[in-house]
Amino acid sequence: MLSRLSIRDFAVVAHAELAFGRGLTVVSGETGAGKSLLVDALGFLGGARADAGAVRHGAQRAELAAEFSLDDCPAAADWLRDAELDDEDACQLRRTLRADGGSRAWINGRPVPLAQLAELAALLVEIHGQHEQQALLSRPHQTRLLDAHARHPALLDAVHTTALQWKALHEERLALLARGDVGERQSWLRHQLQELDAETLAPEALAELDASHRRQAHAASLISACEQALEQLGGDRAIATQLHHLRGSLQREAAHEPRLGEVDALLDSAAIQLDEAFAMLERIRDDLDIDPAALETLERRLGRVQDLARKHRVAPDGLAAHRESLARELDSLADADERLQRIERDIAQALAEWTIAAKKLTNSRRKAGDALGQSVAALIAELGMEGGRFEVQLDAGDSDLPDPRGAERVDFLVSANAGQPPRPLRKVASGGELSRISLAIEVATLGLDAVPTMVFDEVDSGIGGAVAAAVGAKLRALGAPRQVLCVTHQPQVAAAGHAHYRVSKAAADGMTQSSVVVLDNDGRVDEIARMLGGAEVTDEARAAARKLLDGFQ
């Protein structure tokens, strides 16, 4: 439920802080005062586009914020938790619009993309405006309304589940068939594996092969380098002998200079390192052998590995993993025919189960559609569309394949005048008619819509008298279990409100500004009297206003 709305420098409103409660809140004001600005503000907070012209003249930016109580909207609380934007029980939407056209959005003080703001707002507020692109015109939304009215979640789940099962099996079948002739594929895989198995392809084995090839290819230069190093180290280890004599000389003098002992230790370590280096050089030299035949063998092996890598379009060190992938595919084809037959049976079973579930859903929708059509038809007659008809039509789906949404598409048909055949709602309803039909549907499905706050913008356009009184009564009834905001210019509707805001405009500092104030009982009498009698409020108009208000006490 919307609890607070803050508006700053939006259109002609410099600043407004509005508090809201449950029930029906009406908003009235003179023509041109800016009554619909509250609707526009909520629409902007809900993700609607707004150009820089929405920023009040002379201001740098417009800023709007709305606070909601989540007691009556667990879906929004779950959404905030899943998006990791929850802050205990807080739910604040905030959006700014700069004079240069830039826009930013926040949820609970954290910046979010506009799409995310719109997604949350859709769970909190539903706007039914004469000039809004309403969800009611959408066939998917009409389907959801009918399903909510029918109260058959188990049937919806059965249709959705069986359709997804069928789809998964169908895709698996297509994947198997896309492999072509299984026998040919198996023969090809066996041939590829035979070629790959002829070589040792483990990455470590390939690394050793490459190292052996490099050693053999450079054997002559390696032997020469070792011989030169051994010769420079003294051949018969003369350097080691020299170090031994040097250490003896230093040890005899170490008693007079202790630091010579440290030098002796370093020379001792050097002697050990030299001995090890000499021995390793001899081993490397002795291990090396100039063998053209061995080199040729290694080059042939490397050539085969590189040819395999090019053929299979992988790096040499990826051949082993590629070989395992081919082996797994060959294993999977071992029972391909049997698997395909089994999948065919499972597909038929899934289709049969979906058909049964979809037929049950169709029957339930048809029954609920008849009841909803009768209820809405009766309500729109009360709302000034005497002789109008409302029907729920179920059309066959676009495909014979299992659909998670069911076997049909829902279409709301309406005839606003007697004698005219019903046509799709999206094609025949004017703005005022659409608002009243929307109101009738909301009343008929009272309590089924999870959105806690509904906003109606001039739902009473083009009506008056008893019809306006009926609209007011329906709005008040709709506001009993939830929150309803209604912008109105009809006194009968204004009198039905549990709370009443008035929007007025005045010139200040050479600029037109709108202000929004909540009315007490006397203020409501005066405002409804103005709506009844025009600019001059008479005692008779006040008396009539009190009578209207008394009718809702």
Protein backbone atom coordinates (compact mmCIF):
# COMPACT_ATOMS: atom_id res chain seq x y z
CA MET A 1 0.00 0.00 0.00
CA LEU A 2 1.21 3.49 -0.88
CA SER A 3 1.85 5.34 2.39
CA ARG A 4 3.67 8.50 1.29
CA LEU A 5 4.36 10.38 -1.94
CA SER A 6 6.90 13.17 -2.21
CA ILE A 7 6.96 15.48 -5.24
CA ARG A 8 9.52 18.21 -5.86
CA ASP A 9 9.80 20.43 -8.95
CA PHE A 10 7.64 18.11 -11.07
CA ALA A 11 5.60 19.90 -13.77
CA VAL A 12 3.94 22.82 -11.92
CA VAL A 13 4.31 21.37 -8.42
CA ALA A 14 7.16 22.97 -6.48
CA HIS A 15 6.83 20.71 -3.45
CA ALA A 16 4.23 18.34 -2.04
CA GLU A 17 4.30 15.72 0.71
CA LEU A 18 1.24 13.50 0.68
CA ALA A 19 0.23 10.73 3.08
CA PHE A 20 -2.19 7.98 2.08
CA GLY A 21 -4.20 5.35 3.90
CA ARG A 22 -6.43 2.46 3.02
CA GLY A 23 -9.74 2.83 1.26
CA LEU A 24 -10.70 5.27 -1.47
CA THR A 25 -8.77 8.51 -1.77
CA VAL A 26 -10.21 11.00 -4.25
CA VAL A 27 -8.37 13.88 -5.90
CA SER A 28 -10.28 16.85 -7.30
CA GLY A 29 -9.61 20.37 -8.50
CA GLU A 30 -10.50 22.90 -11.12
CA THR A 31 -9.84 22.19 -14.77
CA GLY A 32 -6.18 22.79 -15.52
CA ALA A 33 -5.15 22.70 -11.87
CA GLY A 34 -3.07 19.59 -12.43
CA LYS A 35 -5.22 16.84 -10.86
CA SER A 36 -3.59 14.15 -12.98
CA LEU A 37 -0.10 15.12 -11.83
CA LEU A 38 -0.40 12.62 -8.99
CA VAL A 39 -1.12 9.90 -11.54
CA ASP A 40 1.74 11.14 -13.71
CA ALA A 41 4.07 11.10 -10.70
CA LEU A 42 3.20 7.50 -9.87
CA GLY A 43 3.57 6.56 -13.52
CA PHE A 44 7.01 8.16 -13.62
CA LEU A 45 7.99 6.28 -10.46
CA GLY A 46 6.70 3.14 -12.18
CA GLY A 47 9.19 3.49 -15.02
CA ALA A 48 7.20 5.57 -17.51
CA ARG A 49 9.18 7.77 -19.85
CA ALA A 50 9.21 11.49 -19.19
CA ASP A 51 10.95 14.24 -21.11
CA ALA A 52 12.80 17.18 -19.67
CA GLY A 53 9.62 19.25 -19.96
CA ALA A 54 8.35 17.51 -16.83
CA VAL A 55 10.94 19.42 -14.78
CA ARG A 56 9.38 22.59 -13.29
CA HIS A 57 10.51 25.72 -15.14
CA GLY A 58 13.58 27.20 -13.49
CA ALA A 59 14.48 24.03 -11.55
CA GLN A 60 17.52 21.86 -12.26
CA ARG A 61 15.76 18.56 -11.70
CA ALA A 62 12.50 16.94 -10.64
CA GLU A 63 12.53 14.43 -7.81
CA LEU A 64 9.84 11.97 -6.78
CA ALA A 65 9.76 9.37 -4.03
CA ALA A 66 7.10 6.93 -2.87
CA GLU A 67 7.05 4.79 0.25
CA PHE A 68 5.01 1.61 0.42
CA SER A 69 3.91 -0.68 3.21
CA LEU A 70 4.46 -4.31 2.26
CA ASP A 71 1.94 -5.84 4.67
CA ASP A 72 -0.52 -6.39 1.82
CA CYS A 73 2.03 -7.20 -0.90
CA PRO A 74 4.12 -10.30 -0.13
CA ALA A 75 5.05 -10.56 -3.81
CA ALA A 76 6.91 -7.24 -3.62
CA ALA A 77 8.63 -8.31 -0.38
CA ASP A 78 9.77 -11.53 -2.08
CA TRP A 79 10.97 -9.57 -5.11
CA LEU A 80 13.05 -7.23 -2.96
CA ARG A 81 14.57 -10.16 -1.11
CA ASP A 82 15.40 -12.05 -4.31
CA ALA A 83 16.95 -8.91 -5.83
CA GLU A 84 18.91 -8.30 -2.59
CA LEU A 85 17.36 -4.84 -2.32
CA ASP A 86 15.38 -5.49 0.86
CA ASP A 87 15.86 -3.24 3.88
CA GLU A 88 13.86 -4.77 6.72
CA ASP A 89 10.24 -3.75 5.96
CA ALA A 90 11.14 -0.64 3.94
CA CYS A 91 10.11 -0.14 0.34
CA GLN A 92 10.97 3.21 -1.21
CA LEU A 93 11.00 4.03 -4.91
CA ARG A 94 12.84 7.19 -5.94
CA ARG A 95 13.50 8.75 -9.31
CA THR A 96 14.98 12.00 -10.56
CA LEU A 97 14.78 13.73 -13.93
CA ARG A 98 17.30 16.42 -14.83
CA ALA A 99 16.46 19.44 -16.93
CA ASP A 100 18.87 18.12 -19.58
CA GLY A 101 16.83 14.91 -19.84
CA GLY A 102 18.97 12.55 -17.74
CA SER A 103 17.15 10.21 -15.37
CA ARG A 104 18.17 8.02 -12.42
CA ALA A 105 16.29 5.53 -10.23
CA TRP A 106 16.74 4.05 -6.74
CA ILE A 107 15.10 1.30 -4.69
CA ASN A 108 15.63 1.56 -0.94
CA GLY A 109 18.44 4.04 -1.54
CA ARG A 110 20.35 1.85 -3.98
CA PRO A 111 20.68 2.81 -7.66
CA VAL A 112 18.92 0.43 -10.07
CA PRO A 113 18.20 0.21 -13.81
CA LEU A 114 14.87 1.68 -14.90
CA ALA A 115 13.63 -1.76 -15.95
CA GLN A 116 14.14 -3.05 -12.41
CA LEU A 117 12.23 -0.08 -10.96
CA ALA A 118 9.36 -0.78 -13.36
CA GLU A 119 9.33 -4.48 -12.46
CA LEU A 120 8.89 -3.76 -8.75
CA ALA A 121 6.39 -0.93 -9.32
CA ALA A 122 4.18 -3.29 -11.34
CA LEU A 123 3.75 -5.38 -8.18
CA LEU A 124 2.79 -2.33 -6.12
CA VAL A 125 0.66 -0.01 -8.28
CA GLU A 126 -1.74 -0.54 -11.16
CA ILE A 127 -2.79 2.56 -13.08
CA HIS A 128 -6.08 2.66 -14.95
CA GLY A 129 -5.88 5.91 -16.84
CA GLN A 130 -7.93 7.30 -19.68
CA HIS A 131 -4.72 7.99 -21.57
CA GLU A 132 -2.61 5.07 -20.37
CA GLN A 133 -1.59 2.04 -22.40
CA GLN A 134 -3.46 -0.31 -20.15
CA ALA A 135 -2.62 -3.87 -19.39
CA LEU A 136 -6.31 -4.67 -19.74
CA LEU A 137 -5.99 -4.48 -23.53
CA SER A 138 -3.36 -7.21 -23.49
CA ARG A 139 -4.66 -10.71 -24.14
CA PRO A 140 -2.06 -12.30 -21.81
CA HIS A 141 -3.27 -9.97 -19.05
CA GLN A 142 -6.87 -10.88 -19.81
CA THR A 143 -5.88 -14.54 -19.52
CA ARG A 144 -4.30 -13.90 -16.12
CA LEU A 145 -7.43 -12.09 -14.92
CA LEU A 146 -9.65 -14.96 -16.04
CA ASP A 147 -7.37 -17.53 -14.40
CA ALA A 148 -7.38 -15.52 -11.17
CA HIS A 149 -11.18 -15.41 -11.30
CA ALA A 150 -11.31 -19.17 -11.93
CA ARG A 151 -9.01 -19.98 -8.99
CA HIS A 152 -7.40 -23.02 -10.64
CA PRO A 153 -3.65 -22.82 -9.93
CA ALA A 154 -3.32 -26.63 -9.86
CA LEU A 155 -4.67 -26.87 -13.43
CA LEU A 156 -2.32 -24.11 -14.61
CA ASP A 157 0.63 -25.88 -13.03
CA ALA A 158 -0.30 -29.22 -14.62
CA VAL A 159 -0.54 -27.67 -18.09
CA HIS A 160 2.70 -25.74 -17.66
CA THR A 161 4.64 -28.75 -16.32
CA THR A 162 3.49 -31.25 -18.95
CA ALA A 163 4.16 -28.76 -21.77
CA LEU A 164 7.72 -28.22 -20.59
CA GLN A 165 8.25 -31.98 -20.27
CA TRP A 166 7.05 -32.46 -23.84
CA LYS A 167 9.31 -29.67 -25.08
CA ALA A 168 12.40 -31.13 -23.39
CA LEU A 169 11.74 -34.58 -24.87
CA HIS A 170 11.06 -33.10 -28.30
CA GLU A 171 14.36 -31.20 -28.25
CA GLU A 172 16.22 -34.36 -27.21
CA ARG A 173 14.62 -36.24 -30.10
CA LEU A 174 15.66 -33.54 -32.57
CA ALA A 175 19.21 -33.66 -31.26
CA LEU A 176 19.37 -37.40 -31.81
CA LEU A 177 17.94 -37.14 -35.31
CA ALA A 178 20.35 -34.32 -36.19
CA ARG A 179 23.20 -36.80 -35.88
CA GLY A 180 22.07 -38.48 -39.07
CA ASP A 181 22.67 -42.19 -39.67
CA VAL A 182 23.82 -43.59 -36.34
CA GLY A 183 25.71 -46.49 -37.90
CA GLU A 184 27.73 -44.20 -40.15
CA ARG A 185 28.49 -41.92 -37.25
CA GLN A 186 29.65 -44.85 -35.14
CA SER A 187 31.99 -46.09 -37.92
CA TRP A 188 33.43 -42.62 -38.35
CA LEU A 189 34.00 -42.23 -34.60
CA ARG A 190 35.72 -45.61 -34.37
CA HIS A 191 38.06 -44.67 -37.22
CA GLN A 192 38.94 -41.36 -35.58
CA LEU A 193 39.60 -43.04 -32.24
CA GLN A 194 41.79 -45.68 -33.90
CA GLU A 195 43.97 -42.93 -35.39
CA LEU A 196 44.18 -41.06 -32.12
CA ASP A 197 44.91 -44.18 -30.08
CA ALA A 198 47.94 -44.88 -32.28
CA GLU A 199 49.72 -42.02 -30.53
CA THR A 200 50.41 -41.22 -26.90
CA LEU A 201 48.47 -38.00 -26.50
CA ALA A 202 48.66 -37.20 -22.80
CA PRO A 203 49.88 -33.58 -22.42
CA GLU A 204 52.84 -34.63 -20.26
CA ALA A 205 53.86 -37.27 -22.83
CA LEU A 206 53.67 -34.71 -25.64
CA ALA A 207 55.80 -32.30 -23.59
CA GLU A 208 58.45 -35.02 -23.11
CA LEU A 209 58.33 -35.84 -26.85
CA ASP A 210 58.95 -32.20 -27.70
CA ALA A 211 61.82 -32.00 -25.19
CA SER A 212 63.43 -35.21 -26.56
CA HIS A 213 63.20 -33.87 -30.09
CA ARG A 214 64.84 -30.58 -29.13
CA ARG A 215 67.66 -32.44 -27.31
CA GLN A 216 68.30 -34.76 -30.24
CA ALA A 217 68.08 -31.97 -32.80
CA HIS A 218 70.70 -29.95 -30.89
CA ALA A 219 72.81 -32.89 -29.64
CA ALA A 220 76.02 -31.76 -31.37
CA SER A 221 75.90 -28.22 -30.02
CA LEU A 222 74.92 -29.47 -26.56
CA ILE A 223 77.87 -31.91 -26.43
CA SER A 224 80.23 -29.14 -27.58
CA ALA A 225 78.90 -26.76 -24.95
CA CYS A 226 79.40 -29.34 -22.19
CA GLU A 227 82.97 -30.12 -23.35
CA GLN A 228 83.89 -26.44 -23.39
CA ALA A 229 82.44 -25.90 -19.94
CA LEU A 230 84.33 -28.89 -18.52
CA GLU A 231 87.56 -27.67 -20.07
CA GLN A 232 87.07 -24.19 -18.65
CA LEU A 233 86.40 -25.63 -15.22
CA GLY A 234 89.87 -27.16 -15.27
CA GLY A 235 89.53 -30.45 -17.03
CA ASP A 236 90.94 -32.54 -14.17
CA ARG A 237 89.22 -30.37 -11.63
CA ALA A 238 92.16 -28.02 -11.18
CA ILE A 239 89.87 -25.28 -9.91
CA ALA A 240 88.71 -27.53 -7.10
CA THR A 241 92.36 -28.21 -6.14
CA GLN A 242 93.13 -24.49 -6.16
CA LEU A 243 90.15 -23.83 -3.92
CA HIS A 244 91.38 -26.51 -1.50
CA HIS A 245 94.83 -24.86 -1.23
CA LEU A 246 93.26 -21.43 -0.89
CA ARG A 247 91.05 -22.55 1.95
CA GLY A 248 94.07 -24.02 3.79
CA SER A 249 95.89 -20.69 3.65
CA LEU A 250 92.86 -18.78 4.94
CA GLN A 251 92.19 -21.27 7.74
CA ARG A 252 95.74 -20.74 9.10
CA GLU A 253 95.03 -17.00 9.34
CA ALA A 254 91.46 -17.25 10.58
CA ALA A 255 92.59 -17.21 14.21
CA HIS A 256 93.68 -13.57 13.69
CA GLU A 257 90.58 -12.47 11.72
CA PRO A 258 87.32 -14.29 12.51
CA ARG A 259 85.65 -13.02 9.34
CA LEU A 260 88.00 -15.20 7.32
CA GLY A 261 86.03 -18.13 8.71
CA GLU A 262 82.96 -16.82 6.95
CA VAL A 263 84.95 -16.57 3.70
CA ASP A 264 86.12 -20.16 4.19
CA ALA A 265 82.51 -21.31 4.59
CA LEU A 266 81.53 -19.59 1.35
CA LEU A 267 84.48 -21.16 -0.49
CA ASP A 268 83.54 -24.55 0.92
CA SER A 269 80.00 -24.13 -0.46
CA ALA A 270 81.46 -22.99 -3.80
CA ALA A 271 83.67 -26.05 -3.96
CA ILE A 272 80.69 -28.31 -3.37
CA GLN A 273 78.68 -26.50 -6.08
CA LEU A 274 81.60 -26.78 -8.51
CA ASP A 275 81.91 -30.52 -7.87
CA GLU A 276 78.17 -30.99 -8.49
CA ALA A 277 78.25 -28.83 -11.62
CA PHE A 278 81.25 -30.75 -12.96
CA ALA A 279 79.56 -34.10 -12.31
CA MET A 280 76.28 -32.98 -13.91
CA LEU A 281 78.04 -31.69 -17.01
CA GLU A 282 79.77 -35.07 -17.39
CA ARG A 283 76.44 -36.91 -17.05
CA ILE A 284 74.72 -34.66 -19.60
CA ARG A 285 77.61 -35.08 -22.05
CA ASP A 286 77.65 -38.83 -21.61
CA ASP A 287 73.84 -39.05 -22.03
CA LEU A 288 73.90 -37.17 -25.31
CA ASP A 289 74.35 -39.10 -28.51
CA ILE A 290 74.25 -37.85 -32.10
CA ASP A 291 71.79 -40.33 -33.61
CA PRO A 292 70.23 -39.31 -36.96
CA ALA A 293 67.91 -42.32 -36.91
CA ALA A 294 66.54 -41.40 -33.48
CA LEU A 295 66.06 -37.79 -34.60
CA GLU A 296 64.14 -38.96 -37.67
CA THR A 297 61.89 -41.15 -35.50
CA LEU A 298 61.12 -38.26 -33.17
CA GLU A 299 60.37 -35.93 -36.08
CA ARG A 300 57.98 -38.47 -37.59
CA ARG A 301 56.15 -38.78 -34.26
CA LEU A 302 55.89 -35.01 -33.89
CA GLY A 303 54.66 -34.73 -37.46
CA ARG A 304 51.88 -37.26 -36.84
CA VAL A 305 50.79 -35.40 -33.70
CA GLN A 306 50.71 -32.08 -35.54
CA ASP A 307 48.77 -33.63 -38.42
CA LEU A 308 46.20 -34.98 -35.97
CA ALA A 309 45.91 -31.57 -34.30
CA ARG A 310 45.28 -29.88 -37.66
CA LYS A 311 42.80 -32.53 -38.72
CA HIS A 312 40.75 -32.25 -35.54
CA ARG A 313 41.22 -28.47 -35.28
CA VAL A 314 42.60 -28.49 -31.75
CA ALA A 315 45.95 -27.65 -30.21
CA PRO A 316 48.30 -30.65 -29.77
CA ASP A 317 47.88 -30.56 -25.99
CA GLY A 318 44.08 -30.69 -26.50
CA LEU A 319 44.10 -33.95 -28.45
CA ALA A 320 43.67 -36.10 -25.36
CA ALA A 321 40.54 -34.23 -24.24
CA HIS A 322 39.20 -34.35 -27.81
CA ARG A 323 39.77 -38.08 -27.91
CA GLU A 324 37.77 -38.50 -24.68
CA SER A 325 34.93 -36.41 -26.13
CA LEU A 326 34.72 -38.66 -29.19
CA ALA A 327 34.80 -41.73 -26.99
CA ARG A 328 31.90 -40.41 -24.89
CA GLU A 329 29.87 -39.70 -28.01
CA LEU A 330 30.52 -43.24 -29.28
CA ASP A 331 29.34 -44.63 -25.95
CA SER A 332 26.21 -42.48 -26.11
CA LEU A 333 25.38 -43.89 -29.54
CA ALA A 334 25.64 -47.47 -28.38
CA ASP A 335 21.92 -47.54 -27.53
CA ALA A 336 20.80 -44.64 -29.74
CA ASP A 337 18.09 -46.61 -31.52
CA GLU A 338 16.66 -47.85 -28.26
CA ARG A 339 16.84 -44.36 -26.75
CA LEU A 340 15.06 -42.86 -29.76
CA GLN A 341 12.24 -45.38 -29.47
CA ARG A 342 11.96 -44.69 -25.75
CA ILE A 343 11.85 -40.93 -26.35
CA GLU A 344 9.13 -41.38 -28.98
CA ARG A 345 7.03 -43.23 -26.40
CA ASP A 346 7.72 -40.57 -23.75
CA ILE A 347 6.77 -37.78 -26.16
CA ALA A 348 3.46 -39.45 -26.91
CA GLN A 349 2.83 -39.91 -23.19
CA ALA A 350 3.68 -36.26 -22.42
CA LEU A 351 1.38 -35.09 -25.22
CA ALA A 352 -1.45 -37.22 -23.89
CA GLU A 353 -0.95 -35.89 -20.36
CA TRP A 354 -0.84 -32.29 -21.61
CA THR A 355 -3.99 -32.81 -23.68
CA ILE A 356 -5.90 -34.07 -20.64
CA ALA A 357 -4.63 -31.23 -18.44
CA ALA A 358 -5.31 -28.60 -21.12
CA LYS A 359 -8.85 -29.87 -21.63
CA LYS A 360 -9.55 -29.56 -17.90
CA LEU A 361 -8.12 -26.04 -17.93
CA THR A 362 -10.26 -25.11 -20.94
CA ASN A 363 -13.42 -26.33 -19.21
CA SER A 364 -12.55 -24.38 -16.08
CA ARG A 365 -11.78 -21.23 -18.08
CA ARG A 366 -15.02 -21.53 -20.02
CA LYS A 367 -17.05 -21.85 -16.84
CA ALA A 368 -15.23 -18.95 -15.19
CA GLY A 369 -15.57 -16.87 -18.38
CA ASP A 370 -19.35 -17.27 -18.40
CA ALA A 371 -19.57 -16.18 -14.77
CA LEU A 372 -17.16 -13.25 -15.24
CA GLY A 373 -19.02 -12.11 -18.37
CA GLN A 374 -22.35 -12.01 -16.54
CA SER A 375 -20.89 -10.14 -13.57
CA VAL A 376 -19.09 -7.53 -15.67
CA ALA A 377 -22.08 -7.04 -17.98
CA ALA A 378 -24.29 -6.29 -14.98
CA LEU A 379 -21.72 -3.88 -13.54
CA ILE A 380 -21.13 -1.92 -16.75
CA ALA A 381 -24.89 -1.46 -17.05
CA GLU A 382 -24.85 0.11 -13.58
CA LEU A 383 -21.95 2.31 -14.68
CA GLY A 384 -23.83 3.99 -17.52
CA MET A 385 -23.43 1.52 -20.36
CA GLU A 386 -27.05 0.33 -20.41
CA GLY A 387 -27.56 -2.50 -22.84
CA GLY A 388 -23.84 -3.14 -23.05
CA ARG A 389 -22.55 -6.68 -23.22
CA PHE A 390 -19.36 -8.28 -22.01
CA GLU A 391 -18.21 -11.73 -23.01
CA VAL A 392 -15.10 -13.83 -22.49
CA GLN A 393 -14.12 -15.61 -25.69
CA LEU A 394 -11.74 -18.56 -25.85
CA ASP A 395 -9.92 -18.83 -29.17
CA ALA A 396 -7.87 -21.81 -30.25
CA GLY A 397 -4.14 -21.34 -29.86
CA ASP A 398 -1.81 -20.67 -32.78
CA SER A 399 -0.30 -24.15 -32.68
CA ASP A 400 -1.34 -27.73 -32.04
CA LEU A 401 1.84 -28.28 -30.03
CA PRO A 402 1.66 -28.30 -26.23
CA ASP A 403 1.70 -24.72 -24.91
CA PRO A 404 2.56 -23.93 -21.28
CA ARG A 405 -0.25 -21.34 -21.29
CA GLY A 406 -2.95 -23.76 -22.37
CA ALA A 407 -4.77 -24.65 -25.57
CA GLU A 408 -6.55 -21.32 -26.03
CA ARG A 409 -6.15 -17.56 -25.95
CA VAL A 410 -8.52 -15.37 -24.00
CA ASP A 411 -10.15 -12.33 -25.55
CA PHE A 412 -12.48 -9.91 -23.75
CA LEU A 413 -15.34 -8.84 -26.03
CA VAL A 414 -17.51 -5.82 -25.32
CA SER A 415 -20.45 -4.01 -26.81
CA ALA A 416 -20.90 -0.56 -25.30
CA ASN A 417 -24.35 -0.04 -26.81
CA ALA A 418 -27.42 -2.20 -27.20
CA GLY A 419 -27.83 -3.83 -30.58
CA GLN A 420 -24.15 -3.90 -31.41
CA PRO A 421 -22.27 -7.22 -31.53
CA PRO A 422 -19.43 -7.62 -29.06
CA ARG A 423 -15.96 -6.92 -30.44
CA PRO A 424 -12.49 -7.20 -28.89
CA LEU A 425 -12.08 -4.72 -26.06
CA ARG A 426 -8.87 -3.31 -27.53
CA LYS A 427 -10.71 -2.30 -30.72
CA VAL A 428 -13.92 -0.71 -29.53
CA ALA A 429 -13.56 0.92 -26.13
CA SER A 430 -13.05 4.67 -25.84
CA GLY A 431 -10.96 6.07 -23.01
CA GLY A 432 -13.93 6.68 -20.69
CA GLU A 433 -15.58 3.36 -21.56
CA LEU A 434 -12.35 1.52 -21.02
CA SER A 435 -11.95 3.06 -17.57
CA ARG A 436 -15.44 2.02 -16.56
CA ILE A 437 -15.07 -1.47 -18.01
CA SER A 438 -11.77 -1.77 -16.17
CA LEU A 439 -13.51 -0.69 -12.96
CA ALA A 440 -16.26 -3.25 -13.55
CA ILE A 441 -13.71 -6.03 -14.06
CA GLU A 442 -11.81 -5.00 -10.93
CA VAL A 443 -15.03 -5.08 -8.91
CA ALA A 444 -16.05 -8.43 -10.43
CA THR A 445 -12.67 -9.93 -9.58
CA LEU A 446 -12.45 -8.16 -6.21
CA GLY A 447 -9.69 -9.58 -4.05
CA LEU A 448 -8.14 -11.68 -6.81
CA ASP A 449 -5.62 -9.11 -8.04
CA ALA A 450 -2.44 -9.13 -5.99
CA VAL A 451 -1.59 -5.47 -6.72
CA PRO A 452 -2.49 -3.57 -3.51
CA THR A 453 -2.83 -0.03 -4.94
CA MET A 454 -5.06 0.86 -7.88
CA VAL A 455 -5.17 4.28 -9.48
CA PHE A 456 -8.06 5.46 -11.64
CA ASP A 457 -7.62 8.62 -13.69
CA GLU A 458 -10.98 10.26 -14.49
CA VAL A 459 -12.84 6.96 -14.58
CA ASP A 460 -16.04 9.07 -14.50
CA SER A 461 -15.37 10.92 -17.75
CA GLY A 462 -18.54 11.60 -19.72
CA ILE A 463 -21.02 10.51 -17.03
CA GLY A 464 -23.00 12.20 -14.30
CA GLY A 465 -25.94 11.91 -11.94
CA ALA A 466 -26.96 8.44 -10.90
CA VAL A 467 -24.24 6.80 -13.02
CA ALA A 468 -21.56 8.89 -11.32
CA ALA A 469 -23.00 7.90 -7.95
CA ALA A 470 -22.81 4.25 -8.98
CA VAL A 471 -19.18 4.68 -10.04
CA GLY A 472 -18.42 6.26 -6.68
CA ALA A 473 -20.09 3.42 -4.83
CA LYS A 474 -18.15 0.82 -6.82
CA LEU A 475 -14.85 2.60 -6.21
CA ARG A 476 -15.58 2.81 -2.51
CA ALA A 477 -16.41 -0.91 -2.44
CA LEU A 478 -13.22 -1.64 -4.33
CA GLY A 479 -11.28 0.37 -1.74
CA ALA A 480 -12.69 -1.57 1.20
CA PRO A 481 -10.09 -4.39 1.12
CA ARG A 482 -7.28 -2.38 -0.51
CA GLN A 483 -6.18 1.09 -1.56
CA VAL A 484 -7.77 3.02 -4.42
CA LEU A 485 -6.80 6.47 -5.69
CA CYS A 486 -9.15 8.23 -8.08
CA VAL A 487 -8.80 11.53 -9.92
CA THR A 488 -12.33 12.84 -10.45
CA HIS A 489 -14.37 15.84 -11.49
CA GLN A 490 -17.70 14.34 -10.40
CA PRO A 491 -19.08 15.39 -6.99
CA GLN A 492 -20.85 12.04 -6.57
CA VAL A 493 -17.54 10.21 -6.91
CA ALA A 494 -15.69 12.68 -4.69
CA ALA A 495 -18.28 12.19 -1.94
CA ALA A 496 -17.57 8.44 -1.91
CA GLY A 497 -13.96 8.89 -0.83
CA HIS A 498 -12.60 7.94 2.56
CA ALA A 499 -10.07 10.77 2.09
CA HIS A 500 -10.03 13.77 -0.21
CA TYR A 501 -7.19 15.83 -1.75
CA ARG A 502 -7.72 19.08 -3.62
CA VAL A 503 -5.33 20.37 -6.26
CA SER A 504 -5.33 24.09 -6.91
CA LYS A 505 -3.14 26.46 -8.88
CA ALA A 506 -2.02 30.00 -8.25
CA ALA A 507 0.57 32.48 -9.51
CA ALA A 508 3.65 33.01 -7.33
CA ASP A 509 6.66 35.07 -8.29
CA GLY A 510 5.33 35.33 -11.81
CA MET A 511 5.01 31.55 -12.19
CA THR A 512 1.99 29.25 -12.03
CA GLN A 513 2.28 26.66 -9.28
CA SER A 514 -0.01 23.86 -8.16
CA SER A 515 -0.50 22.87 -4.56
CA VAL A 516 -2.09 19.75 -3.06
CA VAL A 517 -3.87 19.80 0.31
CA VAL A 518 -5.86 17.22 2.23
CA LEU A 519 -9.37 18.37 3.10
CA ASP A 520 -11.13 18.10 6.43
CA ASN A 521 -14.89 17.63 6.55
CA ASP A 522 -15.68 21.34 6.10
CA GLY A 523 -13.17 21.55 3.28
CA ARG A 524 -14.80 18.57 1.59
CA VAL A 525 -18.20 20.22 1.83
CA ASP A 526 -16.90 23.36 0.17
CA GLU A 527 -15.03 21.45 -2.54
CA ILE A 528 -17.97 19.19 -3.40
CA ALA A 529 -20.25 22.24 -3.37
CA ARG A 530 -17.90 23.91 -5.88
CA MET A 531 -18.01 20.78 -8.03
CA LEU A 532 -21.82 20.88 -7.88
CA GLY A 533 -22.39 24.57 -8.42
CA GLY A 534 -19.37 26.06 -10.15
CA ALA A 535 -17.20 28.97 -9.06
CA GLU A 536 -19.78 30.48 -6.69
CA VAL A 537 -20.44 28.25 -3.69
CA THR A 538 -23.98 28.77 -2.38
CA ASP A 539 -25.67 27.54 0.75
CA GLU A 540 -27.83 25.32 -1.39
CA ALA A 541 -24.74 23.76 -2.95
CA ARG A 542 -23.24 23.16 0.51
CA ALA A 543 -26.46 21.51 1.63
CA ALA A 544 -26.41 19.26 -1.41
CA ALA A 545 -22.74 18.46 -0.75
CA ARG A 546 -23.50 17.47 2.85
CA LYS A 547 -26.30 15.23 1.61
CA LEU A 548 -23.94 13.47 -0.76
CA LEU A 549 -21.39 12.98 2.01
CA ASP A 550 -24.03 11.75 4.45
CA GLY A 551 -24.91 9.05 1.95
CA PHE A 552 -21.51 7.43 2.55
CA GLN A 553 -21.31 7.82 6.32
